[in-house]
């Protein structure tokens, strides 16, 4: 979907970066929740 967009390249790079950061945030939250579950 992003690759087919008519946005300019700079905006696409920015959008991809935001998506990647969001995915990283979710992964970190998941790991923290998993660790918390094992501690109990």
PDB file of N, CA and C in Angstrom:
ATOM      1  N   UNK A   1       0.825  -1.193   0.000  1.00  0.00           N
ATOM      2  CA  UNK A   1       0.000   0.000   0.000  1.00  0.00           C
ATOM      3  C   UNK A   1       0.870   1.260   0.000  1.00  0.00           C
ATOM      4  N   UNK A   2       1.873   1.289   0.867  1.00  0.00           N
ATOM      5  CA  UNK A   2       2.750   2.460   0.930  1.00  0.00           C
ATOM      6  C   UNK A   2       3.537   2.597  -0.369  1.00  0.00           C
ATOM      7  N   UNK A   3       4.007   1.479  -0.920  1.00  0.00           N
ATOM      8  CA  UNK A   3       4.831   1.514  -2.130  1.00  0.00           C
ATOM      9  C   UNK A   3       4.064   2.070  -3.328  1.00  0.00           C
ATOM     10  N   UNK A   4       2.749   1.878  -3.365  1.00  0.00           N
ATOM     11  CA  UNK A   4       1.941   2.334  -4.498  1.00  0.00           C
ATOM     12  C   UNK A   4       1.454   3.763  -4.323  1.00  0.00           C
ATOM     13  N   UNK A   5       1.778   4.379  -3.231  1.00  0.00           N
ATOM     14  CA  UNK A   5       1.287   5.719  -2.929  1.00  0.00           C
ATOM     15  C   UNK A   5       1.852   6.762  -3.883  1.00  0.00           C
ATOM     16  N   UNK A   6       1.090   7.841  -4.067  1.00  0.00           N
ATOM     17  CA  UNK A   6       1.529   8.940  -4.937  1.00  0.00           C
ATOM     18  C   UNK A   6       2.248  10.025  -4.137  1.00  0.00           C
ATOM     19  N   UNK A   7       2.582   9.739  -2.895  1.00  0.00           N
ATOM     20  CA  UNK A   7       3.268  10.725  -2.049  1.00  0.00           C
ATOM     21  C   UNK A   7       4.696  10.933  -2.531  1.00  0.00           C
ATOM     22  N   UNK A   8       5.265  12.073  -2.171  1.00  0.00           N
ATOM     23  CA  UNK A   8       6.654  12.323  -2.541  1.00  0.00           C
ATOM     24  C   UNK A   8       7.575  11.435  -1.694  1.00  0.00           C
ATOM     25  N   UNK A   9       8.760  11.129  -2.213  1.00  0.00           N
ATOM     26  CA  UNK A   9       9.678  10.194  -1.529  1.00  0.00           C
ATOM     27  C   UNK A   9      10.001  10.574  -0.084  1.00  0.00           C
ATOM     28  N   UNK A  10      10.176  11.861   0.189  1.00  0.00           N
ATOM     29  CA  UNK A  10      10.509  12.278   1.560  1.00  0.00           C
ATOM     30  C   UNK A  10       9.392  11.925   2.534  1.00  0.00           C
ATOM     31  N   UNK A  11       8.153  12.163   2.122  1.00  0.00           N
ATOM     32  CA  UNK A  11       7.010  11.831   2.973  1.00  0.00           C
ATOM     33  C   UNK A  11       6.902  10.328   3.178  1.00  0.00           C
ATOM     34  N   UNK A  12       7.183   9.572   2.121  1.00  0.00           N
ATOM     35  CA  UNK A  12       7.143   8.113   2.236  1.00  0.00           C
ATOM     36  C   UNK A  12       8.174   7.613   3.231  1.00  0.00           C
ATOM     37  N   UNK A  13       9.380   8.160   3.160  1.00  0.00           N
ATOM     38  CA  UNK A  13      10.441   7.759   4.089  1.00  0.00           C
ATOM     39  C   UNK A  13      10.018   8.077   5.513  1.00  0.00           C
ATOM     40  N   UNK A  14       9.454   9.260   5.708  1.00  0.00           N
ATOM     41  CA  UNK A  14       8.999   9.676   7.034  1.00  0.00           C
ATOM     42  C   UNK A  14       7.904   8.736   7.549  1.00  0.00           C
ATOM     43  N   UNK A  15       6.961   8.403   6.672  1.00  0.00           N
ATOM     44  CA  UNK A  15       5.863   7.513   7.055  1.00  0.00           C
ATOM     45  C   UNK A  15       6.382   6.125   7.412  1.00  0.00           C
ATOM     46  N   UNK A  16       7.298   5.614   6.574  1.00  0.00           N
ATOM     47  CA  UNK A  16       7.880   4.293   6.856  1.00  0.00           C
ATOM     48  C   UNK A  16       8.603   4.291   8.189  1.00  0.00           C
ATOM     49  N   UNK A  17       9.325   5.385   8.477  1.00  0.00           N
ATOM     50  CA  UNK A  17      10.057   5.486   9.742  1.00  0.00           C
ATOM     51  C   UNK A  17       9.081   5.455  10.917  1.00  0.00           C
ATOM     52  N   UNK A  18       7.983   6.187  10.797  1.00  0.00           N
ATOM     53  CA  UNK A  18       6.984   6.214  11.874  1.00  0.00           C
ATOM     54  C   UNK A  18       6.374   4.833  12.087  1.00  0.00           C
ATOM     55  N   UNK A  19       6.086   4.143  10.990  1.00  0.00           N
ATOM     56  CA  UNK A  19       5.529   2.788  11.089  1.00  0.00           C
ATOM     57  C   UNK A  19       6.524   1.863  11.781  1.00  0.00           C
ATOM     58  N   UNK A  20       7.791   1.947  11.381  1.00  0.00           N
ATOM     59  CA  UNK A  20       8.824   1.101  11.979  1.00  0.00           C
ATOM     60  C   UNK A  20       8.965   1.383  13.473  1.00  0.00           C
ATOM     61  N   UNK A  21       8.914   2.674  13.845  1.00  0.00           N
ATOM     62  CA  UNK A  21       9.020   3.036  15.262  1.00  0.00           C
ATOM     63  C   UNK A  21       7.821   2.502  16.039  1.00  0.00           C
ATOM     64  N   UNK A  22       6.633   2.572  15.447  1.00  0.00           N
ATOM     65  CA  UNK A  22       5.434   2.059  16.109  1.00  0.00           C
ATOM     66  C   UNK A  22       5.543   0.557  16.340  1.00  0.00           C
ATOM     67  N   UNK A  23       6.048  -0.153  15.330  1.00  0.00           N
ATOM     68  CA  UNK A  23       6.220  -1.607  15.460  1.00  0.00           C
ATOM     69  C   UNK A  23       7.220  -1.909  16.571  1.00  0.00           C
ATOM     70  N   UNK A  24       8.309  -1.146  16.620  1.00  0.00           N
ATOM     71  CA  UNK A  24       9.309  -1.344  17.678  1.00  0.00           C
ATOM     72  C   UNK A  24       8.691  -1.095  19.052  1.00  0.00           C
ATOM     73  N   UNK A  25       7.899  -0.027  19.164  1.00  0.00           N
ATOM     74  CA  UNK A  25       7.247   0.278  20.439  1.00  0.00           C
ATOM     75  C   UNK A  25       6.364  -0.882  20.877  1.00  0.00           C
ATOM     76  N   UNK A  26       5.605  -1.438  19.938  1.00  0.00           N
ATOM     77  CA  UNK A  26       4.731  -2.560  20.268  1.00  0.00           C
ATOM     78  C   UNK A  26       5.536  -3.785  20.694  1.00  0.00           C
ATOM     79  N   UNK A  27       6.661  -4.029  20.017  1.00  0.00           N
ATOM     80  CA  UNK A  27       7.505  -5.170  20.382  1.00  0.00           C
ATOM     81  C   UNK A  27       8.070  -5.007  21.782  1.00  0.00           C
ATOM     82  N   UNK A  28       8.498  -3.798  22.111  1.00  0.00           N
ATOM     83  CA  UNK A  28       9.042  -3.535  23.448  1.00  0.00           C
ATOM     84  C   UNK A  28       7.955  -3.735  24.496  1.00  0.00           C
ATOM     85  N   UNK A  29       6.769  -3.202  24.237  1.00  0.00           N
ATOM     86  CA  UNK A  29       5.663  -3.375  25.181  1.00  0.00           C
ATOM     87  C   UNK A  29       5.344  -4.852  25.377  1.00  0.00           C
ATOM     88  N   UNK A  30       5.338  -5.600  24.274  1.00  0.00           N
ATOM     89  CA  UNK A  30       5.056  -7.030  24.351  1.00  0.00           C
ATOM     90  C   UNK A  30       6.092  -7.743  25.208  1.00  0.00           C
ATOM     91  N   UNK A  31       7.369  -7.412  24.988  1.00  0.00           N
ATOM     92  CA  UNK A  31       8.438  -8.040  25.771  1.00  0.00           C
ATOM     93  C   UNK A  31       8.314  -7.685  27.247  1.00  0.00           C
ATOM     94  N   UNK A  32       7.993  -6.428  27.531  1.00  0.00           N
ATOM     95  CA  UNK A  32       7.830  -6.009  28.927  1.00  0.00           C
ATOM     96  C   UNK A  32       6.671  -6.756  29.578  1.00  0.00           C
ATOM     97  N   UNK A  33       5.567  -6.889  28.845  1.00  0.00           N
ATOM     98  CA  UNK A  33       4.412  -7.605  29.388  1.00  0.00           C
ATOM     99  C   UNK A  33       4.750  -9.071  29.615  1.00  0.00           C
ATOM    100  N   UNK A  34       5.508  -9.649  28.682  1.00  0.00           N
ATOM    101  CA  UNK A  34       5.895 -11.053  28.794  1.00  0.00           C
ATOM    102  C   UNK A  34       6.781 -11.267  30.025  1.00  0.00           C
ATOM    103  N   UNK A  35       7.754 -10.366  30.215  1.00  0.00           N
ATOM    104  CA  UNK A  35       8.642 -10.450  31.382  1.00  0.00           C
ATOM    105  C   UNK A  35       7.847 -10.324  32.672  1.00  0.00           C
ATOM    106  N   UNK A  36       6.910  -9.398  32.685  1.00  0.00           N
ATOM    107  CA  UNK A  36       6.090  -9.173  33.871  1.00  0.00           C
ATOM    108  C   UNK A  36       5.282 -10.428  34.199  1.00  0.00           C
ATOM    109  N   UNK A  37       4.788 -11.094  33.175  1.00  0.00           N
ATOM    110  CA  UNK A  37       4.014 -12.314  33.360  1.00  0.00           C
ATOM    111  C   UNK A  37       4.853 -13.438  33.937  1.00  0.00           C
ATOM    112  N   UNK A  38       6.124 -13.504  33.568  1.00  0.00           N
ATOM    113  CA  UNK A  38       7.004 -14.562  34.063  1.00  0.00           C
ATOM    114  C   UNK A  38       7.446 -14.300  35.492  1.00  0.00           C
ATOM    115  N   UNK A  39       7.481 -13.033  35.894  1.00  0.00           N
ATOM    116  CA  UNK A  39       7.944 -12.681  37.237  1.00  0.00           C
ATOM    117  C   UNK A  39       6.918 -13.077  38.295  1.00  0.00           C
ATOM    118  N   UNK A  40       5.650 -13.130  37.905  1.00  0.00           N
ATOM    119  CA  UNK A  40       4.587 -13.445  38.882  1.00  0.00           C
ATOM    120  C   UNK A  40       4.438 -14.933  39.081  1.00  0.00           C
TER     121      UNK A  40
END
